[in-house]
N, C-alpha and C. Protein backbone atom coordinates (compact mmCIF):
# COMPACT_ATOMS: atom_id res chain seq x y z
N MET A 1 -6.54 -143.56 13.68
CA MET A 1 -6.87 -143.02 12.17
C MET A 1 -6.06 -141.54 12.76
N GLU A 2 -5.30 -141.25 11.70
CA GLU A 2 -4.48 -139.83 11.42
C GLU A 2 -5.52 -138.61 10.92
N THR A 3 -5.37 -137.88 11.92
CA THR A 3 -5.78 -136.33 11.97
C THR A 3 -5.19 -135.97 10.37
N ALA A 4 -6.18 -135.36 9.50
CA ALA A 4 -5.73 -134.68 8.40
C ALA A 4 -5.13 -132.79 8.61
N THR A 5 -4.14 -132.62 8.34
CA THR A 5 -3.60 -131.26 8.36
C THR A 5 -4.45 -130.36 7.67
N LYS A 6 -4.07 -128.92 7.85
CA LYS A 6 -4.57 -128.27 6.45
C LYS A 6 -3.58 -128.09 5.58
N VAL A 7 -3.77 -128.20 4.03
CA VAL A 7 -2.69 -128.16 3.24
C VAL A 7 -3.88 -127.04 2.09
N GLU A 8 -2.82 -126.23 1.46
CA GLU A 8 -3.22 -124.81 0.71
C GLU A 8 -3.70 -125.28 -0.40
N ILE A 9 -4.69 -125.14 -1.01
CA ILE A 9 -5.11 -125.64 -2.38
C ILE A 9 -4.50 -124.58 -2.96
N HIS A 10 -5.07 -123.47 -2.70
CA HIS A 10 -4.88 -122.22 -3.88
C HIS A 10 -4.95 -120.81 -2.71
N TYR A 11 -3.93 -120.16 -3.21
CA TYR A 11 -4.03 -118.37 -2.66
C TYR A 11 -3.96 -117.64 -3.38
N ASP A 12 -5.30 -117.08 -3.55
CA ASP A 12 -5.48 -116.10 -4.40
C ASP A 12 -5.03 -114.28 -4.02
N ALA A 13 -3.78 -114.16 -4.70
CA ALA A 13 -3.10 -113.13 -4.76
C ALA A 13 -3.60 -111.60 -4.69
N TYR A 14 -3.99 -111.69 -6.14
CA TYR A 14 -4.74 -110.51 -7.03
C TYR A 14 -6.08 -110.36 -5.97
N ARG A 15 -6.90 -111.23 -6.17
CA ARG A 15 -7.98 -110.83 -5.27
C ARG A 15 -7.88 -110.18 -3.82
N TYR A 16 -6.80 -110.38 -3.31
CA TYR A 16 -6.27 -109.95 -2.19
C TYR A 16 -5.62 -108.35 -1.85
N GLU A 17 -4.99 -108.23 -3.18
CA GLU A 17 -4.28 -106.98 -3.20
C GLU A 17 -5.59 -106.02 -3.43
N MET A 18 -6.91 -106.66 -4.06
CA MET A 18 -8.01 -105.82 -4.78
C MET A 18 -8.54 -105.83 -3.06
N SER A 19 -9.02 -106.90 -2.61
CA SER A 19 -9.05 -106.46 -1.08
C SER A 19 -8.71 -105.16 -0.56
N ILE A 20 -7.54 -105.33 -0.72
CA ILE A 20 -6.44 -104.21 0.29
C ILE A 20 -6.70 -102.96 -0.35
N LYS A 21 -6.83 -103.06 -1.80
CA LYS A 21 -6.93 -101.44 -2.28
C LYS A 21 -8.48 -100.78 -1.76
N HIS A 22 -9.50 -102.06 -2.06
CA HIS A 22 -10.95 -101.38 -1.32
C HIS A 22 -10.86 -100.85 0.20
N TRP A 23 -10.14 -101.86 1.15
CA TRP A 23 -10.23 -101.52 2.20
C TRP A 23 -9.03 -100.06 2.31
N ASN A 24 -8.23 -99.72 2.08
CA ASN A 24 -7.50 -98.33 1.91
C ASN A 24 -8.56 -97.31 1.44
N ARG A 25 -9.04 -97.33 0.28
CA ARG A 25 -10.11 -96.73 -0.30
C ARG A 25 -11.04 -96.75 1.08
N ARG A 26 -11.55 -97.79 1.67
CA ARG A 26 -12.63 -97.17 2.34
C ARG A 26 -12.21 -95.89 3.77
N THR A 27 -10.50 -96.60 4.29
CA THR A 27 -9.62 -95.76 5.54
C THR A 27 -9.85 -94.38 5.07
N GLU A 28 -9.58 -94.08 3.78
CA GLU A 28 -9.34 -92.58 3.22
C GLU A 28 -10.74 -91.97 3.33
N LEU A 29 -11.79 -92.46 3.13
CA LEU A 29 -12.97 -91.90 2.53
C LEU A 29 -13.36 -91.32 4.60
N LEU A 30 -13.03 -92.49 5.70
CA LEU A 30 -13.43 -92.41 6.83
C LEU A 30 -12.50 -91.40 7.43
N LYS A 31 -11.10 -91.22 7.15
CA LYS A 31 -10.23 -89.97 7.13
C LYS A 31 -11.17 -88.56 6.77
N SER A 32 -11.67 -88.50 5.36
CA SER A 32 -11.86 -87.76 4.82
C SER A 32 -13.25 -87.18 5.20
N ILE A 33 -14.27 -87.70 5.49
CA ILE A 33 -15.55 -87.52 6.69
C ILE A 33 -15.63 -87.16 7.64
N ASP A 34 -14.22 -87.78 8.61
CA ASP A 34 -14.22 -87.27 9.76
C ASP A 34 -13.45 -85.98 9.93
N HIS A 35 -12.39 -85.27 8.65
CA HIS A 35 -11.93 -84.02 8.66
C HIS A 35 -13.26 -83.15 8.46
N GLU A 36 -13.96 -83.52 7.36
CA GLU A 36 -15.16 -82.62 7.11
C GLU A 36 -16.10 -82.34 8.51
N LEU A 37 -16.32 -83.49 8.89
CA LEU A 37 -17.27 -83.28 10.17
C LEU A 37 -16.56 -82.15 11.00
N LYS A 38 -14.96 -82.52 11.08
CA LYS A 38 -14.28 -81.39 11.78
C LYS A 38 -14.54 -80.09 11.82
N LYS A 39 -14.68 -79.91 10.59
CA LYS A 39 -14.64 -78.40 10.28
C LYS A 39 -15.99 -77.51 10.57
N TYR A 40 -17.20 -78.74 10.44
CA TYR A 40 -18.67 -78.40 11.40
C TYR A 40 -18.30 -78.62 12.77
N PHE A 41 -18.22 -79.71 13.27
CA PHE A 41 -18.57 -79.80 13.80
C PHE A 41 -17.38 -79.64 15.54
N PRO A 42 -16.10 -78.62 15.38
CA PRO A 42 -15.17 -78.65 16.27
C PRO A 42 -15.09 -79.05 17.41
N GLY A 43 -14.69 -80.32 18.34
CA GLY A 43 -14.66 -80.56 19.42
C GLY A 43 -15.65 -81.53 19.75
N MET A 44 -16.66 -81.36 18.73
CA MET A 44 -17.37 -82.96 19.09
C MET A 44 -16.77 -84.10 18.68
N LYS A 45 -17.44 -85.25 19.63
CA LYS A 45 -17.03 -86.69 19.62
C LYS A 45 -17.71 -87.41 18.55
N ILE A 46 -17.61 -87.75 17.55
CA ILE A 46 -18.51 -87.94 16.14
C ILE A 46 -17.89 -89.14 16.09
N LYS A 47 -18.76 -90.75 16.22
CA LYS A 47 -18.57 -92.04 15.83
C LYS A 47 -19.17 -92.18 14.21
N ILE A 48 -18.72 -92.12 13.02
CA ILE A 48 -19.13 -91.79 11.73
C ILE A 48 -19.94 -92.92 11.41
N ASP A 49 -19.85 -94.15 11.96
CA ASP A 49 -20.47 -95.04 11.75
C ASP A 49 -21.92 -94.62 12.58
N SER A 50 -21.98 -94.22 13.44
CA SER A 50 -23.63 -94.18 14.19
C SER A 50 -24.21 -93.31 13.29
N LEU A 51 -23.66 -92.26 12.49
CA LEU A 51 -24.35 -91.69 11.09
C LEU A 51 -25.46 -92.70 10.31
N PHE A 52 -24.97 -93.95 10.27
CA PHE A 52 -25.71 -94.57 9.29
C PHE A 52 -27.00 -95.61 9.47
N PRO A 53 -28.15 -96.10 9.09
CA PRO A 53 -28.30 -96.13 7.44
C PRO A 53 -28.96 -94.54 7.17
N TYR A 54 -28.92 -93.72 8.00
CA TYR A 54 -29.77 -92.30 7.47
C TYR A 54 -28.64 -91.04 7.78
N PRO A 55 -27.43 -91.07 6.89
CA PRO A 55 -26.70 -89.81 7.68
C PRO A 55 -27.31 -88.38 7.40
N GLU A 56 -28.24 -88.09 6.13
CA GLU A 56 -28.41 -86.87 6.18
C GLU A 56 -29.58 -86.71 7.50
N VAL A 57 -30.17 -87.32 8.19
CA VAL A 57 -30.83 -87.17 9.38
C VAL A 57 -30.00 -86.87 10.58
N GLU A 58 -28.95 -87.83 10.54
CA GLU A 58 -28.33 -87.82 11.42
C GLU A 58 -27.07 -86.46 12.00
N LEU A 59 -26.98 -86.32 10.75
CA LEU A 59 -26.15 -84.62 10.62
C LEU A 59 -26.59 -83.81 10.76
N TYR A 60 -28.24 -83.53 10.53
CA TYR A 60 -29.22 -82.30 10.74
C TYR A 60 -29.60 -82.74 12.22
N LYS A 61 -29.31 -83.75 13.31
CA LYS A 61 -29.89 -84.00 14.22
C LYS A 61 -28.28 -83.26 15.21
N LEU A 62 -27.33 -83.68 14.80
CA LEU A 62 -25.73 -83.03 15.16
C LEU A 62 -25.64 -81.38 14.92
N VAL A 63 -26.36 -80.98 14.34
CA VAL A 63 -26.54 -79.51 14.05
C VAL A 63 -27.64 -79.21 15.40
N GLU A 64 -28.75 -79.67 15.11
CA GLU A 64 -29.69 -78.94 16.38
C GLU A 64 -28.89 -79.43 17.83
N LYS A 65 -27.93 -80.34 18.33
CA LYS A 65 -27.41 -80.79 19.40
C LYS A 65 -26.20 -79.50 19.19
N LYS A 66 -25.55 -79.13 18.21
CA LYS A 66 -24.73 -78.14 18.41
C LYS A 66 -24.96 -77.05 18.77
N TYR A 67 -26.30 -76.16 18.17
CA TYR A 67 -26.97 -75.24 18.49
C TYR A 67 -27.96 -75.29 19.37
N VAL A 68 -28.28 -76.32 19.91
CA VAL A 68 -29.39 -76.45 21.15
C VAL A 68 -29.01 -75.10 22.13
N GLN A 69 -28.35 -74.64 22.75
CA GLN A 69 -28.16 -73.32 23.65
C GLN A 69 -28.69 -72.15 22.87
N ASN A 70 -28.53 -71.64 21.84
CA ASN A 70 -28.88 -70.90 20.96
C ASN A 70 -30.47 -70.74 19.65
N ASN A 71 -30.99 -71.69 20.29
CA ASN A 71 -32.28 -72.09 19.52
C ASN A 71 -33.37 -72.38 20.49
N PRO A 72 -33.80 -71.50 20.98
CA PRO A 72 -34.79 -70.99 21.90
C PRO A 72 -36.23 -71.74 21.36
N MET A 73 -36.49 -71.10 20.09
CA MET A 73 -37.46 -71.62 18.68
C MET A 73 -37.56 -73.65 18.49
N GLY A 74 -36.66 -73.97 18.92
CA GLY A 74 -36.62 -74.92 18.68
C GLY A 74 -36.76 -75.29 16.38
N ILE A 75 -35.81 -74.59 16.29
CA ILE A 75 -35.79 -74.25 14.82
C ILE A 75 -35.42 -76.09 14.48
N SER A 76 -35.49 -76.50 13.15
CA SER A 76 -35.18 -77.77 13.05
C SER A 76 -33.69 -77.57 12.34
N GLY A 77 -32.86 -78.91 12.35
CA GLY A 77 -31.43 -78.93 12.42
C GLY A 77 -31.11 -78.36 10.59
N ILE A 78 -32.20 -78.68 9.85
CA ILE A 78 -32.16 -78.31 8.68
C ILE A 78 -32.02 -76.75 8.44
N LYS A 79 -32.91 -75.98 9.02
CA LYS A 79 -33.10 -74.76 9.30
C LYS A 79 -32.08 -74.02 9.73
N LEU A 80 -31.47 -74.75 10.95
CA LEU A 80 -29.98 -74.00 11.43
C LEU A 80 -28.73 -74.32 10.72
N ALA A 81 -29.17 -74.96 10.12
CA ALA A 81 -27.89 -75.56 8.80
C ALA A 81 -27.95 -74.36 8.14
N GLU A 82 -29.09 -74.09 7.39
CA GLU A 82 -28.91 -73.24 6.59
C GLU A 82 -29.15 -71.56 7.00
N LEU A 83 -29.12 -70.99 7.96
CA LEU A 83 -28.70 -69.95 9.19
C LEU A 83 -27.41 -69.96 9.12
N HIS A 84 -26.64 -71.04 9.12
CA HIS A 84 -25.12 -71.11 9.69
C HIS A 84 -24.83 -71.01 8.25
N GLU A 85 -25.25 -71.43 7.48
CA GLU A 85 -24.60 -71.74 5.82
C GLU A 85 -23.54 -72.81 6.07
N MET A 86 -24.35 -73.96 6.52
CA MET A 86 -23.67 -75.69 6.51
C MET A 86 -24.11 -75.62 5.24
N ASP A 87 -23.49 -76.46 4.21
CA ASP A 87 -23.89 -77.25 3.12
C ASP A 87 -23.23 -78.77 3.18
N PHE A 88 -24.10 -79.51 3.40
CA PHE A 88 -23.47 -80.76 3.74
C PHE A 88 -23.52 -81.56 2.29
N ARG A 89 -24.45 -81.04 1.50
CA ARG A 89 -24.53 -82.08 0.24
C ARG A 89 -23.29 -82.48 0.00
N ASN A 90 -22.42 -81.85 -0.43
CA ASN A 90 -20.87 -82.27 -1.22
C ASN A 90 -20.45 -83.59 -0.33
N LEU A 91 -20.56 -83.45 0.83
CA LEU A 91 -20.17 -84.95 1.88
C LEU A 91 -21.12 -85.86 1.62
N LEU A 92 -22.25 -85.49 1.99
CA LEU A 92 -23.52 -86.43 1.59
C LEU A 92 -23.49 -87.25 0.32
N ASN A 93 -23.21 -86.85 -0.71
CA ASN A 93 -23.19 -87.26 -2.34
C ASN A 93 -22.13 -87.88 -2.41
N ASN A 94 -20.97 -87.72 -2.03
CA ASN A 94 -19.67 -88.02 -1.64
C ASN A 94 -18.91 -89.30 -0.94
N GLN A 95 -18.61 -88.58 -0.65
CA GLN A 95 -17.79 -89.31 0.53
C GLN A 95 -18.84 -90.21 1.43
N MET A 96 -20.05 -89.42 1.53
CA MET A 96 -20.67 -90.35 3.00
C MET A 96 -21.51 -91.91 1.69
N PHE A 97 -21.82 -90.85 0.57
CA PHE A 97 -22.47 -92.29 -0.54
C PHE A 97 -21.62 -93.47 -0.11
N GLU A 98 -20.17 -92.79 -0.62
CA GLU A 98 -18.94 -94.08 -1.04
C GLU A 98 -18.89 -94.71 0.09
N TYR A 99 -19.05 -94.32 0.89
CA TYR A 99 -18.20 -95.34 2.27
C TYR A 99 -19.78 -95.63 2.73
N HIS A 100 -21.09 -95.63 2.47
CA HIS A 100 -21.73 -96.20 2.78
C HIS A 100 -21.99 -97.83 2.46
N LYS A 101 -21.55 -97.49 0.93
CA LYS A 101 -21.27 -99.11 0.62
C LYS A 101 -20.28 -100.02 0.88
N MET A 102 -19.41 -99.59 1.63
CA MET A 102 -18.18 -99.98 2.40
C MET A 102 -18.04 -100.27 3.97
N ILE A 103 -19.35 -99.84 4.43
CA ILE A 103 -19.98 -99.92 5.99
C ILE A 103 -19.16 -101.34 6.48
N ASP A 104 -19.84 -102.26 5.67
CA ASP A 104 -19.64 -103.64 6.54
C ASP A 104 -18.37 -104.36 6.05
N MET A 105 -17.37 -103.54 5.47
CA MET A 105 -16.54 -103.94 4.87
C MET A 105 -15.51 -105.02 6.05
N LYS A 106 -15.03 -105.89 6.09
CA LYS A 106 -14.28 -105.99 7.32
C LYS A 106 -12.40 -106.26 6.36
N LYS A 107 -11.35 -106.04 7.42
CA LYS A 107 -10.37 -105.69 7.01
C LYS A 107 -9.85 -107.67 6.41
N PRO A 108 -9.59 -107.33 5.05
CA PRO A 108 -8.91 -108.26 4.31
C PRO A 108 -7.86 -108.94 5.16
N THR A 109 -7.63 -110.25 5.31
CA THR A 109 -6.38 -111.16 5.76
C THR A 109 -6.20 -112.14 4.47
N LYS A 110 -4.80 -112.55 4.59
CA LYS A 110 -4.57 -113.83 3.28
C LYS A 110 -5.43 -115.16 3.77
N ALA A 111 -5.64 -115.57 5.24
CA ALA A 111 -6.14 -116.61 5.06
C ALA A 111 -8.09 -116.00 4.67
N ASP A 112 -8.46 -114.92 4.40
CA ASP A 112 -9.73 -115.07 3.63
C ASP A 112 -8.97 -115.11 2.13
N HIS A 113 -8.22 -115.37 1.72
CA HIS A 113 -8.17 -115.75 0.56
C HIS A 113 -7.43 -116.70 -0.30
N THR A 114 -7.22 -117.79 0.68
CA THR A 114 -6.42 -118.83 0.54
C THR A 114 -7.60 -120.05 0.67
N PHE A 115 -7.39 -121.08 -0.34
CA PHE A 115 -8.50 -122.12 -0.08
C PHE A 115 -7.37 -123.53 0.52
N TYR A 116 -8.36 -124.31 1.61
CA TYR A 116 -7.62 -125.25 2.03
C TYR A 116 -8.37 -126.56 2.21
N ALA A 117 -7.33 -127.76 1.84
CA ALA A 117 -7.90 -129.10 1.95
C ALA A 117 -8.07 -129.39 3.35
N ASP A 118 -8.87 -129.73 3.76
CA ASP A 118 -8.82 -130.01 5.37
C ASP A 118 -9.20 -131.26 5.93
N THR A 119 -9.81 -132.13 5.03
CA THR A 119 -9.82 -133.82 4.92
C THR A 119 -8.80 -134.30 4.23
N GLN A 120 -8.45 -135.72 4.82
CA GLN A 120 -7.45 -136.84 4.34
C GLN A 120 -8.19 -136.33 2.43
N ASP A 121 -9.60 -136.91 2.50
CA ASP A 121 -9.72 -137.34 1.00
C ASP A 121 -9.94 -136.08 0.51
N GLU A 122 -10.23 -134.87 0.50
CA GLU A 122 -9.90 -133.48 0.13
C GLU A 122 -8.15 -133.72 -0.09
N ILE A 123 -7.19 -134.17 0.67
CA ILE A 123 -5.83 -133.67 0.52
C ILE A 123 -5.47 -134.99 -0.68
N GLN A 124 -5.91 -135.69 -0.73
CA GLN A 124 -5.70 -136.94 -1.85
C GLN A 124 -6.05 -136.46 -3.09
N LYS A 125 -6.86 -135.74 -2.99
CA LYS A 125 -7.66 -135.30 -4.35
C LYS A 125 -6.50 -133.86 -5.04
N LEU A 126 -6.42 -133.48 -3.85
CA LEU A 126 -5.09 -132.11 -4.38
C LEU A 126 -3.92 -132.96 -4.81
N GLU A 127 -3.63 -133.89 -4.12
CA GLU A 127 -2.39 -134.67 -4.77
C GLU A 127 -2.18 -135.21 -5.85
N LYS A 128 -3.69 -135.76 -6.14
CA LYS A 128 -3.45 -136.17 -7.49
C LYS A 128 -3.64 -135.17 -8.57
N CYS A 129 -4.52 -134.12 -8.27
CA CYS A 129 -4.49 -132.63 -9.31
C CYS A 129 -3.01 -132.05 -9.40
N GLN A 130 -2.26 -131.88 -8.42
CA GLN A 130 -0.92 -131.60 -7.98
C GLN A 130 -0.24 -132.40 -9.55
N ALA A 131 -0.08 -133.67 -9.19
CA ALA A 131 0.59 -134.71 -9.82
C ALA A 131 0.02 -134.94 -11.53
N PHE A 132 -1.42 -134.04 -11.43
CA PHE A 132 -1.51 -134.13 -12.94
C PHE A 132 -1.00 -133.28 -13.69
N ILE A 133 -1.02 -131.95 -12.95
CA ILE A 133 -0.47 -130.64 -13.20
C ILE A 133 0.69 -130.77 -13.75
N GLU A 134 1.69 -131.41 -12.96
CA GLU A 134 2.90 -131.60 -13.22
C GLU A 134 3.24 -132.02 -14.29
N SER A 135 2.61 -133.78 -14.61
CA SER A 135 2.59 -134.50 -15.59
C SER A 135 2.62 -133.61 -16.85
N ILE A 136 1.45 -132.67 -17.12
CA ILE A 136 1.08 -132.26 -18.33
C ILE A 136 1.85 -131.06 -18.76
N LYS A 137 2.72 -130.34 -17.44
CA LYS A 137 3.54 -129.50 -17.55
C LYS A 137 4.97 -130.54 -18.28
N ASP A 138 5.14 -131.21 -17.82
CA ASP A 138 6.61 -132.20 -17.73
C ASP A 138 6.38 -132.83 -19.58
N PHE A 139 5.32 -133.21 -19.83
CA PHE A 139 4.85 -133.64 -21.22
C PHE A 139 5.09 -133.02 -22.06
N SER A 140 4.32 -131.43 -21.45
CA SER A 140 4.45 -130.30 -23.34
C SER A 140 5.24 -129.41 -22.95
N GLY A 141 6.11 -129.48 -22.17
CA GLY A 141 7.39 -128.68 -21.72
C GLY A 141 7.01 -127.53 -21.56
N LYS A 142 5.61 -127.20 -21.27
CA LYS A 142 5.48 -125.56 -20.85
C LYS A 142 4.72 -125.87 -19.28
N GLU A 143 5.08 -124.02 -19.48
CA GLU A 143 4.51 -123.75 -17.87
C GLU A 143 2.97 -122.96 -18.16
N THR A 144 2.98 -122.00 -19.05
CA THR A 144 1.67 -121.49 -19.17
C THR A 144 0.83 -122.21 -20.43
N PHE A 145 -0.38 -122.14 -20.19
CA PHE A 145 -1.54 -122.75 -21.86
C PHE A 145 -1.85 -121.63 -22.51
N ASN A 146 -2.03 -121.88 -23.64
CA ASN A 146 -3.46 -120.71 -24.16
C ASN A 146 -4.58 -121.38 -23.58
N MET A 147 -5.73 -120.62 -24.16
CA MET A 147 -7.27 -120.85 -23.73
C MET A 147 -8.03 -121.93 -24.07
N SER A 148 -6.96 -122.31 -25.39
CA SER A 148 -8.06 -123.27 -26.38
C SER A 148 -7.45 -124.81 -25.07
N GLU A 149 -6.28 -124.88 -25.06
CA GLU A 149 -5.31 -126.04 -24.73
C GLU A 149 -6.31 -125.94 -22.58
N LYS A 150 -5.95 -124.63 -22.15
CA LYS A 150 -6.87 -124.53 -20.84
C LYS A 150 -8.17 -125.56 -21.20
N HIS A 151 -9.25 -124.89 -22.13
CA HIS A 151 -10.48 -126.04 -21.87
C HIS A 151 -10.04 -126.73 -22.00
N GLN A 152 -9.36 -127.61 -23.19
CA GLN A 152 -8.85 -128.75 -23.24
C GLN A 152 -8.62 -130.01 -21.76
N ILE A 153 -7.60 -129.38 -21.41
CA ILE A 153 -7.01 -129.88 -19.99
C ILE A 153 -8.66 -129.94 -19.12
N ARG A 154 -9.00 -129.15 -18.83
CA ARG A 154 -10.47 -128.67 -18.18
C ARG A 154 -11.61 -130.04 -18.29
N HIS A 155 -11.99 -129.90 -19.98
CA HIS A 155 -12.86 -131.06 -20.00
C HIS A 155 -12.31 -131.89 -19.63
N LEU A 156 -11.10 -132.80 -19.97
CA LEU A 156 -10.50 -134.08 -19.62
C LEU A 156 -10.37 -134.24 -18.19
N THR A 157 -10.16 -133.42 -17.37
CA THR A 157 -10.33 -134.10 -16.02
C THR A 157 -11.47 -133.36 -15.50
N LYS A 158 -12.64 -132.95 -16.00
CA LYS A 158 -13.86 -133.12 -15.84
C LYS A 158 -13.66 -131.62 -14.73
N GLY A 159 -13.36 -130.66 -14.40
CA GLY A 159 -13.36 -129.61 -13.83
C GLY A 159 -12.08 -130.05 -12.70
N ALA A 160 -11.93 -130.86 -12.75
CA ALA A 160 -10.93 -130.73 -11.56
C ALA A 160 -9.50 -129.99 -11.79
N ILE A 161 -9.00 -129.70 -12.76
CA ILE A 161 -8.29 -128.95 -12.72
C ILE A 161 -8.55 -127.24 -13.63
N GLY A 162 -8.11 -126.30 -12.86
CA GLY A 162 -8.62 -125.21 -13.26
C GLY A 162 -7.55 -124.28 -14.13
N ALA A 163 -7.97 -122.86 -14.28
CA ALA A 163 -6.89 -121.93 -14.64
C ALA A 163 -6.82 -120.66 -13.82
N GLY A 164 -5.61 -120.71 -13.44
CA GLY A 164 -5.22 -119.61 -12.66
C GLY A 164 -5.18 -118.09 -13.59
N ARG A 165 -4.54 -116.95 -12.58
CA ARG A 165 -3.96 -115.96 -13.05
C ARG A 165 -2.78 -116.20 -14.20
N ASN A 166 -2.59 -115.57 -15.10
CA ASN A 166 -1.40 -115.93 -16.05
C ASN A 166 -1.21 -117.21 -16.75
N SER A 167 -2.31 -117.59 -16.74
CA SER A 167 -2.18 -119.10 -17.84
C SER A 167 -2.14 -120.06 -17.09
N GLU A 168 -1.91 -120.09 -16.03
CA GLU A 168 -1.12 -121.49 -15.18
C GLU A 168 -2.38 -122.57 -14.68
N LEU A 169 -1.97 -123.47 -14.61
CA LEU A 169 -3.14 -124.47 -14.24
C LEU A 169 -2.98 -124.82 -12.50
N ILE A 170 -4.30 -124.85 -12.02
CA ILE A 170 -4.46 -124.54 -10.83
C ILE A 170 -5.34 -125.80 -10.65
N PRO A 171 -5.37 -126.40 -9.24
CA PRO A 171 -6.55 -127.52 -8.73
C PRO A 171 -7.53 -126.85 -8.29
N ASN A 172 -8.75 -127.28 -8.77
CA ASN A 172 -9.95 -126.30 -9.09
C ASN A 172 -10.46 -126.43 -7.39
N VAL A 173 -10.93 -125.75 -6.86
CA VAL A 173 -11.44 -125.37 -5.20
C VAL A 173 -12.54 -126.68 -5.00
N THR A 174 -13.61 -125.97 -5.62
CA THR A 174 -15.03 -126.53 -5.74
C THR A 174 -14.67 -128.34 -6.22
N TYR A 175 -13.59 -128.22 -7.03
CA TYR A 175 -14.18 -130.19 -7.15
C TYR A 175 -12.83 -130.51 -5.64
N ILE A 176 -12.36 -129.88 -5.39
CA ILE A 176 -11.90 -130.97 -3.70
C ILE A 176 -12.24 -130.68 -2.98
N LYS A 177 -13.03 -129.65 -2.59
CA LYS A 177 -13.59 -129.17 -1.74
C LYS A 177 -14.75 -130.17 -1.65
N ASP A 178 -15.46 -130.48 -3.18
CA ASP A 178 -16.92 -131.37 -3.03
C ASP A 178 -17.70 -130.60 -2.71
N ALA A 179 -17.94 -129.40 -3.10
CA ALA A 179 -19.08 -128.30 -2.63
C ALA A 179 -20.55 -128.63 -3.78
N VAL A 180 -20.10 -129.35 -4.73
CA VAL A 180 -21.45 -129.44 -5.66
C VAL A 180 -22.77 -130.18 -5.11
């Protein structure tokens, strides 16, 4: 028996580009937070991810750590920050709040946004869908279809053919992968 090779069903370039934009935004926030922290804590090595999930608590612990030599009365980090006129509100409410939403994000790859047919059965379904799409394009003389035509094709094929970006017809990943 032959082993099936991976065959690409669909690559979603739009979602990949959006993921890259989100990743770049995360990187910008990380640099911005690092820059702000270096203003308040020069010379300290701070791993930004270690400040979460409670950055406000960890920031004031850093203040206590910075002024441990000059704090014989054991004043809290909040009071020390107040005495030294350190205002973390902007940092906490803007950059750190936004970064916390993206902290678990991993760098996107094209493979994350590409769907493959793995088994021989899936490859056969994909080939049938592609043949149907080519037939529709040949008979209609069109490359793209309007909304009502796409709905008719979807219903005619019982969901095997879907619509991609720019009104193109694409094989439905769910149908091919038989995830239902």
